[in-house]
Amino acid sequence: MSPFPSKFLFFSFFLIFFSRSFSQTKPTLLIFDSSKVCDGYLLWQDKTKCQLMDRKGNVLYNFPGNLCSFFYNKNEIVTHVAGNLTTYNKNLDVIWKVSTYIDHELVVTPQNNILLYAVDYDSINHMLVRFDKIRCFDSTGRELYQWSTLAEHRYLLNFVMNDKNIFRYNIKGSHDPDSVLYKIAPSLTGITRNFADREFFHMNSIQVIPANESEKKDSVFRRGNLLLSFCNYNDSLVSFIAIVDPNSYKILWYYVQNDGKQMHTPGMLPNGNILMYVNSDCRNAVDSSFIDEINPVTKTVVWNYVERLPDVAVRCSHGSCQRLPNGNTLIANINGYIYEVTPQKKIVWQWHTVDAKHLYRAFLYPKEKLQWIVDEQ
């Protein structure tokens, strides 16, 4: 009997398997309603890379590093590469760099200052504790200021200990903040967090509040204040977002999501509301992540979208959301999905990749802001 049929069948099976595997790993544009999507260039980033693409899913630029942003009215790129805050021109020539560890956040303000999260460490009760800190640089790399949760940990602990919405620990023994911190700071055993034993107030987002309608009602929401996200990984402290005075570093306002869930990329909108990505609870396998828009004056939800995408039932970390100029909302989650929904909650654009290493966030830029770099490609 000729071996041809069996070889032919084997070869056919190999082609089918290979083509399916390739299609599953290749980034895919799943939905594109060109009449409903917001135009622009989309920057997405994960733990290993930053990539710029158009709304058709075409890759326009691969940036070095795992965090990336752009200056205002200045044709330069700022990234985090190999432990350095680094700026490049359009040819990727280094302009300047500063040695600093960066975790989670790298943003450029309209004044072309750079805000990022770095870390401090201190030994408390013979345990090495990790503290987040904000570092601010100008566009030449000169450091302007720092704000550390280590330096402010007594103030922060006194603040949360006096509020049962945030602090849910039944204190036994000493009420000294250092003793309390040791008891409530979650253990990092098995978690890579720069070799610390414990972590205090894991912070993941910074926004310099822009002009908005709520500042007309209360100066707490005035432009220039900082909107920060404080995440926690245990049952003693719940996660919350807060508005902080950039001069005194005191908390002026805070918001706790009903179940104390983690929140990412809270942002003040021009209408005075705050939009945020709320993570699912890792302890509840049927729980879903969702996006809330809240009125910060009344602390009530005015718009909500629950994620219902396939194979992304639980997303207890990472994620982002952005309100777009056309009123739609751009959403990204750790499972490699980026999509755009209308105010009526219809998906009009959806893209997916399995190549992302914990997709962290996505942001849509107006074309005119990045035309200087896209035209070079």
Protein backbone atom coordinates (compact mmCIF):
# COMPACT_ATOMS: atom_id res chain seq x y z
CA MET A 1 0.00 0.00 0.00
CA SER A 2 1.34 3.45 -0.89
CA PRO A 3 2.42 5.57 2.08
CA PHE A 4 1.13 8.69 0.28
CA PRO A 5 -2.35 8.83 1.89
CA SER A 6 -1.00 8.59 5.44
CA LYS A 7 1.70 11.20 4.72
CA PHE A 8 -0.89 13.44 3.08
CA LEU A 9 -3.21 13.16 6.08
CA PHE A 10 -0.37 13.88 8.49
CA PHE A 11 0.72 16.92 6.47
CA SER A 12 -2.88 18.21 6.30
CA PHE A 13 -3.29 17.80 10.04
CA PHE A 14 -0.01 19.67 10.62
CA LEU A 15 -1.12 22.58 8.42
CA ILE A 16 -4.49 22.86 10.19
CA PHE A 17 -2.87 22.73 13.63
CA PHE A 18 -0.20 25.28 12.69
CA SER A 19 -2.68 27.69 11.11
CA ARG A 20 -4.96 27.53 14.18
CA SER A 21 -2.04 28.02 16.56
CA PHE A 22 -0.79 30.97 14.54
CA SER A 23 -4.23 32.59 14.39
CA GLN A 24 -4.56 32.24 18.15
CA THR A 25 -1.25 33.99 18.84
CA LYS A 26 -1.49 36.72 16.22
CA PRO A 27 -3.07 39.96 17.50
CA THR A 28 -6.58 40.18 16.10
CA LEU A 29 -8.97 43.03 15.41
CA LEU A 30 -12.31 41.46 16.30
CA ILE A 31 -14.75 44.37 15.97
CA PHE A 32 -14.37 47.66 14.09
CA ASP A 33 -17.37 49.92 13.53
CA SER A 34 -15.62 52.81 11.80
CA SER A 35 -18.66 55.08 12.11
CA LYS A 36 -18.71 54.77 15.92
CA VAL A 37 -15.07 54.55 17.05
CA CYS A 38 -12.98 57.50 18.19
CA ASP A 39 -10.09 58.20 15.82
CA GLY A 40 -6.52 58.40 17.08
CA TYR A 41 -3.40 56.37 17.83
CA LEU A 42 -3.54 53.76 20.57
CA LEU A 43 -0.62 53.12 22.93
CA TRP A 44 -0.73 49.89 24.93
CA GLN A 45 1.82 48.56 27.38
CA ASP A 46 2.53 45.43 29.34
CA LYS A 47 5.43 44.24 31.51
CA THR A 48 7.86 44.02 28.61
CA LYS A 49 6.91 46.48 25.87
CA CYS A 50 5.05 49.57 24.67
CA GLN A 51 3.42 49.53 21.26
CA LEU A 52 1.64 52.20 19.21
CA MET A 53 -0.99 51.16 16.68
CA ASP A 54 -3.79 52.66 14.59
CA ARG A 55 -7.47 51.79 14.96
CA LYS A 56 -7.14 49.05 12.32
CA GLY A 57 -4.67 47.24 14.54
CA ASN A 58 -1.60 48.07 12.45
CA VAL A 59 1.56 48.43 14.53
CA LEU A 60 3.12 51.85 13.96
CA TYR A 61 5.90 51.93 16.50
CA ASN A 62 7.59 49.73 19.10
CA PHE A 63 9.05 51.76 21.95
CA PRO A 64 11.83 50.60 24.26
CA GLY A 65 10.88 49.81 27.83
CA ASN A 66 7.68 48.81 29.59
CA LEU A 67 6.25 52.26 30.43
CA CYS A 68 5.95 55.09 27.95
CA SER A 69 4.50 58.57 27.60
CA PHE A 70 4.84 61.70 25.47
CA PHE A 71 5.59 65.33 26.23
CA TYR A 72 3.15 68.12 25.43
CA ASN A 73 4.21 70.31 22.49
CA LYS A 74 7.65 68.72 22.55
CA ASN A 75 8.67 65.96 20.15
CA GLU A 76 10.21 63.61 22.68
CA ILE A 77 9.36 60.23 24.17
CA VAL A 78 9.84 59.33 27.84
CA THR A 79 10.15 55.67 28.86
CA HIS A 80 11.37 53.34 31.59
CA VAL A 81 14.23 51.24 30.24
CA ALA A 82 16.54 48.95 32.26
CA GLY A 83 16.13 50.86 35.51
CA ASN A 84 16.39 54.29 33.92
CA LEU A 85 13.93 57.09 33.22
CA THR A 86 14.95 57.83 29.64
CA THR A 87 13.93 60.35 26.99
CA TYR A 88 14.40 59.84 23.26
CA ASN A 89 13.93 61.82 20.09
CA LYS A 90 12.00 60.39 17.12
CA ASN A 91 15.10 58.48 15.96
CA LEU A 92 15.34 56.84 19.41
CA ASP A 93 18.56 58.69 20.23
CA VAL A 94 18.91 59.11 24.00
CA ILE A 95 18.54 62.73 25.14
CA TRP A 96 18.97 62.14 28.88
CA LYS A 97 18.40 59.43 31.46
CA VAL A 98 18.12 59.21 35.23
CA SER A 99 18.60 56.05 37.24
CA THR A 100 15.37 55.17 39.07
CA TYR A 101 13.16 52.15 39.58
CA ILE A 102 9.64 52.82 38.28
CA ASP A 103 6.61 50.80 39.28
CA HIS A 104 3.17 51.08 37.65
CA GLU A 105 3.03 54.73 36.68
CA LEU A 106 4.77 57.17 34.34
CA VAL A 107 2.78 60.25 33.30
CA VAL A 108 3.60 63.61 31.76
CA THR A 109 1.68 66.68 32.97
CA PRO A 110 0.58 69.55 30.68
CA GLN A 111 3.53 71.49 32.18
CA ASN A 112 5.86 68.76 30.79
CA ASN A 113 6.76 67.51 34.25
CA ILE A 114 7.12 63.75 34.72
CA LEU A 115 5.40 61.93 37.58
CA LEU A 116 6.28 58.33 38.46
CA TYR A 117 6.09 55.80 41.26
CA ALA A 118 9.38 54.63 42.77
CA VAL A 119 9.99 52.75 46.05
CA ASP A 120 11.50 53.21 49.51
CA TYR A 121 12.37 50.50 52.04
CA ASP A 122 12.58 50.47 55.82
CA SER A 123 13.00 47.82 58.48
CA ILE A 124 10.06 47.64 60.87
CA ASN A 125 9.95 44.94 63.56
CA HIS A 126 12.83 43.22 61.77
CA MET A 127 10.85 42.99 58.54
CA LEU A 128 11.78 44.82 55.34
CA VAL A 129 8.75 46.87 54.27
CA ARG A 130 8.23 48.35 50.81
CA PHE A 131 6.81 51.88 50.53
CA ASP A 132 5.78 53.62 47.32
CA LYS A 133 6.84 57.18 46.58
CA ILE A 134 6.09 59.77 43.92
CA ARG A 135 9.05 61.35 42.15
CA CYS A 136 8.60 64.42 39.97
CA PHE A 137 11.08 65.50 37.28
CA ASP A 138 11.05 68.37 34.82
CA SER A 139 11.55 67.82 31.08
CA THR A 140 15.36 68.05 31.44
CA GLY A 141 15.60 65.31 34.08
CA ARG A 142 15.98 67.62 37.09
CA GLU A 143 14.12 66.26 40.11
CA LEU A 144 11.58 68.71 41.53
CA TYR A 145 10.21 66.84 44.55
CA GLN A 146 9.43 63.49 46.19
CA TRP A 147 6.47 62.32 48.25
CA SER A 148 6.93 59.02 50.06
CA THR A 149 4.47 56.87 51.99
CA LEU A 150 7.46 56.00 54.18
CA ALA A 151 7.92 59.62 55.26
CA GLU A 152 4.15 60.00 55.63
CA HIS A 153 3.31 56.55 56.98
CA ARG A 154 2.36 57.77 60.47
CA TYR A 155 -0.01 60.37 59.03
CA LEU A 156 -1.50 57.84 56.60
CA LEU A 157 -1.97 55.21 59.30
CA ASN A 158 -3.60 57.68 61.68
CA PHE A 159 -5.86 58.75 58.84
CA VAL A 160 -7.05 55.23 57.96
CA MET A 161 -7.19 54.03 61.59
CA ASN A 162 -9.76 56.72 62.30
CA ASP A 163 -12.03 55.63 59.46
CA LYS A 164 -13.84 52.32 59.68
CA ASN A 165 -14.69 52.45 55.98
CA ILE A 166 -11.01 51.88 55.25
CA PHE A 167 -9.60 50.30 58.41
CA ARG A 168 -11.16 46.94 59.29
CA TYR A 169 -8.59 45.57 61.71
CA ASN A 170 -9.46 44.90 65.35
CA ILE A 171 -6.37 46.30 67.06
CA LYS A 172 -5.07 44.33 70.01
CA GLY A 173 -2.20 45.67 72.05
CA SER A 174 -0.25 48.76 71.03
CA HIS A 175 -1.89 51.39 68.84
CA ASP A 176 1.50 52.77 67.87
CA PRO A 177 1.45 53.25 64.06
CA ASP A 178 4.64 51.23 63.54
CA SER A 179 3.22 48.27 65.46
CA VAL A 180 -0.07 48.54 63.59
CA LEU A 181 1.73 48.79 60.26
CA TYR A 182 3.63 45.58 60.96
CA LYS A 183 0.36 43.79 61.78
CA ILE A 184 -1.64 44.97 58.79
CA ALA A 185 0.96 45.28 55.98
CA PRO A 186 0.37 42.24 53.76
CA SER A 187 3.10 39.66 53.48
CA LEU A 188 4.84 39.48 50.11
CA THR A 189 5.95 35.89 50.51
CA GLY A 190 5.96 34.34 47.05
CA ILE A 191 5.41 37.71 45.36
CA THR A 192 8.24 39.48 43.55
CA ARG A 193 8.15 43.00 44.95
CA ASN A 194 11.83 43.88 44.99
CA PHE A 195 12.62 41.40 47.75
CA ALA A 196 10.64 43.15 50.53
CA ASP A 197 8.87 41.08 53.18
CA ARG A 198 5.81 43.32 53.41
CA GLU A 199 4.22 46.19 51.52
CA PHE A 200 2.46 49.34 52.71
CA PHE A 201 -0.13 50.98 50.44
CA HIS A 202 0.53 49.55 47.00
CA MET A 203 -0.12 52.56 44.72
CA ASN A 204 -0.86 52.23 41.02
CA SER A 205 -2.09 55.48 39.49
CA ILE A 206 -1.46 59.24 39.43
CA GLN A 207 -3.51 61.98 37.80
CA VAL A 208 -2.97 65.72 38.06
CA ILE A 209 -6.59 66.86 38.19
CA PRO A 210 -7.54 68.92 35.11
CA ALA A 211 -10.17 71.65 34.82
CA ASN A 212 -13.57 70.16 35.65
CA GLU A 213 -17.12 71.05 36.66
CA SER A 214 -16.83 69.72 40.24
CA GLU A 215 -14.19 72.28 41.18
CA LYS A 216 -16.92 74.93 40.85
CA LYS A 217 -18.79 73.18 43.67
CA ASP A 218 -15.89 72.31 45.99
CA SER A 219 -12.24 73.43 45.95
CA VAL A 220 -11.21 69.89 46.93
CA PHE A 221 -11.64 68.99 43.27
CA ARG A 222 -9.64 71.94 41.94
CA ARG A 223 -7.21 71.50 39.08
CA GLY A 224 -3.64 70.74 40.16
CA ASN A 225 -4.52 68.44 43.06
CA LEU A 226 -3.41 64.81 42.77
CA LEU A 227 -5.83 61.91 42.30
CA LEU A 228 -4.14 58.75 43.59
CA SER A 229 -5.08 55.08 43.92
CA PHE A 230 -4.14 53.11 47.07
CA CYS A 231 -4.43 49.33 46.71
CA ASN A 232 -4.21 46.77 49.48
CA TYR A 233 -3.91 43.00 49.39
CA ASN A 234 -5.39 41.93 52.71
CA ASP A 235 -8.61 42.24 54.71
CA SER A 236 -7.29 44.79 57.22
CA LEU A 237 -7.22 47.77 54.89
CA VAL A 238 -9.52 48.20 51.92
CA SER A 239 -8.42 49.84 48.69
CA PHE A 240 -9.39 53.45 48.10
CA ILE A 241 -8.75 56.40 45.82
CA ALA A 242 -7.90 59.82 47.25
CA ILE A 243 -7.35 63.43 46.28
CA VAL A 244 -4.14 64.75 47.83
CA ASP A 245 -2.96 68.34 48.18
CA PRO A 246 0.36 68.51 46.25
CA ASN A 247 1.80 71.04 48.73
CA SER A 248 0.82 69.61 52.12
CA TYR A 249 0.39 66.00 50.91
CA LYS A 250 -2.73 65.73 53.06
CA ILE A 251 -5.74 63.70 51.96
CA LEU A 252 -8.61 66.03 51.08
CA TRP A 253 -11.15 63.47 49.82
CA TYR A 254 -11.38 59.71 49.42
CA TYR A 255 -13.67 57.09 47.98
CA VAL A 256 -14.04 53.40 48.87
CA GLN A 257 -15.74 51.09 46.40
CA ASN A 258 -18.58 49.17 48.06
CA ASP A 259 -16.66 45.92 48.51
CA GLY A 260 -13.27 47.56 49.01
CA LYS A 261 -12.02 46.27 45.67
CA GLN A 262 -8.86 47.50 43.97
CA MET A 263 -9.20 50.36 41.52
CA HIS A 264 -6.99 51.36 38.59
CA THR A 265 -6.60 54.54 36.49
CA PRO A 266 -9.12 56.76 38.30
CA GLY A 267 -9.44 59.95 36.28
CA MET A 268 -11.30 63.20 36.75
CA LEU A 269 -13.45 63.94 33.69
CA PRO A 270 -14.28 67.41 32.32
CA ASN A 271 -17.87 66.94 33.55
CA GLY A 272 -16.54 66.66 37.11
CA ASN A 273 -17.14 62.93 37.52
CA ILE A 274 -14.43 60.33 38.17
CA LEU A 275 -14.04 57.26 35.94
CA MET A 276 -12.25 54.17 37.29
CA TYR A 277 -11.51 50.53 36.50
CA VAL A 278 -12.61 48.31 39.41
CA ASN A 279 -10.94 44.91 39.65
CA SER A 280 -12.77 41.68 40.36
CA ASP A 281 -12.23 39.89 43.65
CA CYS A 282 -9.66 37.10 43.20
CA ARG A 283 -11.38 35.14 45.95
CA ASN A 284 -14.63 35.02 43.96
CA ALA A 285 -14.29 33.11 40.70
CA VAL A 286 -17.62 34.35 39.35
CA ASP A 287 -16.92 37.99 40.04
CA SER A 288 -16.32 40.37 37.12
CA SER A 289 -14.33 43.56 36.79
CA PHE A 290 -16.26 46.68 35.91
CA ILE A 291 -15.96 50.37 35.14
CA ASP A 292 -17.63 52.94 37.37
CA GLU A 293 -18.25 56.62 36.73
CA ILE A 294 -19.03 58.35 40.02
CA ASN A 295 -20.17 61.80 41.08
CA PRO A 296 -17.40 62.72 43.57
CA VAL A 297 -19.59 65.22 45.41
CA THR A 298 -22.33 62.70 46.24
CA LYS A 299 -20.11 59.59 45.87
CA THR A 300 -22.80 57.88 43.81
CA VAL A 301 -22.39 55.79 40.65
CA VAL A 302 -23.82 57.52 37.57
CA TRP A 303 -22.64 55.05 34.90
CA ASN A 304 -21.41 51.48 35.08
CA TYR A 305 -20.13 48.87 32.63
CA VAL A 306 -19.50 45.23 33.61
CA GLU A 307 -16.95 43.30 31.57
CA ARG A 308 -18.52 40.29 29.83
CA LEU A 309 -15.80 39.22 27.42
CA PRO A 310 -14.95 35.55 26.81
CA ASP A 311 -12.20 33.83 28.86
CA VAL A 312 -11.67 36.90 31.05
CA ALA A 313 -13.98 36.12 33.95
CA VAL A 314 -11.56 37.18 36.69
CA ARG A 315 -9.19 40.12 36.44
CA CYS A 316 -8.11 40.91 39.98
CA SER A 317 -5.13 43.03 38.93
CA HIS A 318 -4.18 45.54 36.25
CA GLY A 319 -6.65 47.14 33.85
CA SER A 320 -7.42 50.65 32.64
CA CYS A 321 -10.20 52.85 31.30
CA GLN A 322 -10.33 56.18 29.47
CA ARG A 323 -13.26 58.40 28.49
CA LEU A 324 -12.80 59.40 24.85
CA PRO A 325 -13.70 62.72 23.19
CA ASN A 326 -16.69 61.16 21.41
CA GLY A 327 -18.17 59.95 24.72
CA ASN A 328 -17.14 56.32 24.32
CA THR A 329 -15.00 54.52 26.89
CA LEU A 330 -11.74 52.66 26.10
CA ILE A 331 -11.11 49.64 28.33
CA ALA A 332 -8.08 47.36 28.64
CA ASN A 333 -7.59 44.31 30.83
CA ILE A 334 -4.81 41.95 31.86
CA ASN A 335 -6.01 39.17 29.53
CA GLY A 336 -5.01 41.06 26.40
CA TYR A 337 -8.33 42.64 25.43
CA ILE A 338 -8.67 46.30 24.50
CA TYR A 339 -12.10 47.51 23.46
CA GLU A 340 -14.27 50.61 23.08
CA VAL A 341 -17.87 50.84 24.26
CA THR A 342 -20.52 53.47 23.66
CA PRO A 343 -22.48 55.19 26.46
CA GLN A 344 -25.22 52.66 25.63
CA LYS A 345 -22.65 49.90 26.39
CA LYS A 346 -22.28 48.56 22.86
CA ILE A 347 -18.81 47.34 21.84
CA VAL A 348 -17.80 49.15 18.65
CA TRP A 349 -14.08 48.26 18.62
CA GLN A 350 -12.33 45.22 20.04
CA TRP A 351 -8.76 43.96 19.72
CA HIS A 352 -7.09 40.99 21.36
CA THR A 353 -3.62 39.56 21.72
CA VAL A 354 -2.36 36.57 23.70
CA ASP A 355 1.20 37.85 23.29
CA ALA A 356 0.85 40.52 26.00
CA LYS A 357 2.65 39.81 29.28
CA HIS A 358 0.00 41.11 31.68
CA LEU A 359 -1.39 43.92 29.54
CA TYR A 360 -1.38 46.86 31.93
CA ARG A 361 -3.14 49.73 30.20
CA ALA A 362 -4.06 51.38 26.93
CA PHE A 363 -4.48 55.04 26.07
CA LEU A 364 -5.78 56.73 22.92
CA TYR A 365 -3.96 59.86 21.73
CA PRO A 366 -5.28 62.41 19.21
CA LYS A 367 -3.57 61.94 15.86
CA GLU A 368 -2.27 65.49 15.82
CA LYS A 369 -0.37 64.92 19.07
CA LEU A 370 1.70 62.05 17.63
CA GLN A 371 1.80 62.94 13.94
CA TRP A 372 5.45 63.93 14.34
CA ILE A 373 6.47 60.37 15.10
CA VAL A 374 3.96 58.44 12.98
CA ASP A 375 4.88 60.38 9.81
CA GLU A 376 8.43 59.09 10.17
CA GLN A 377 7.37 55.46 9.88
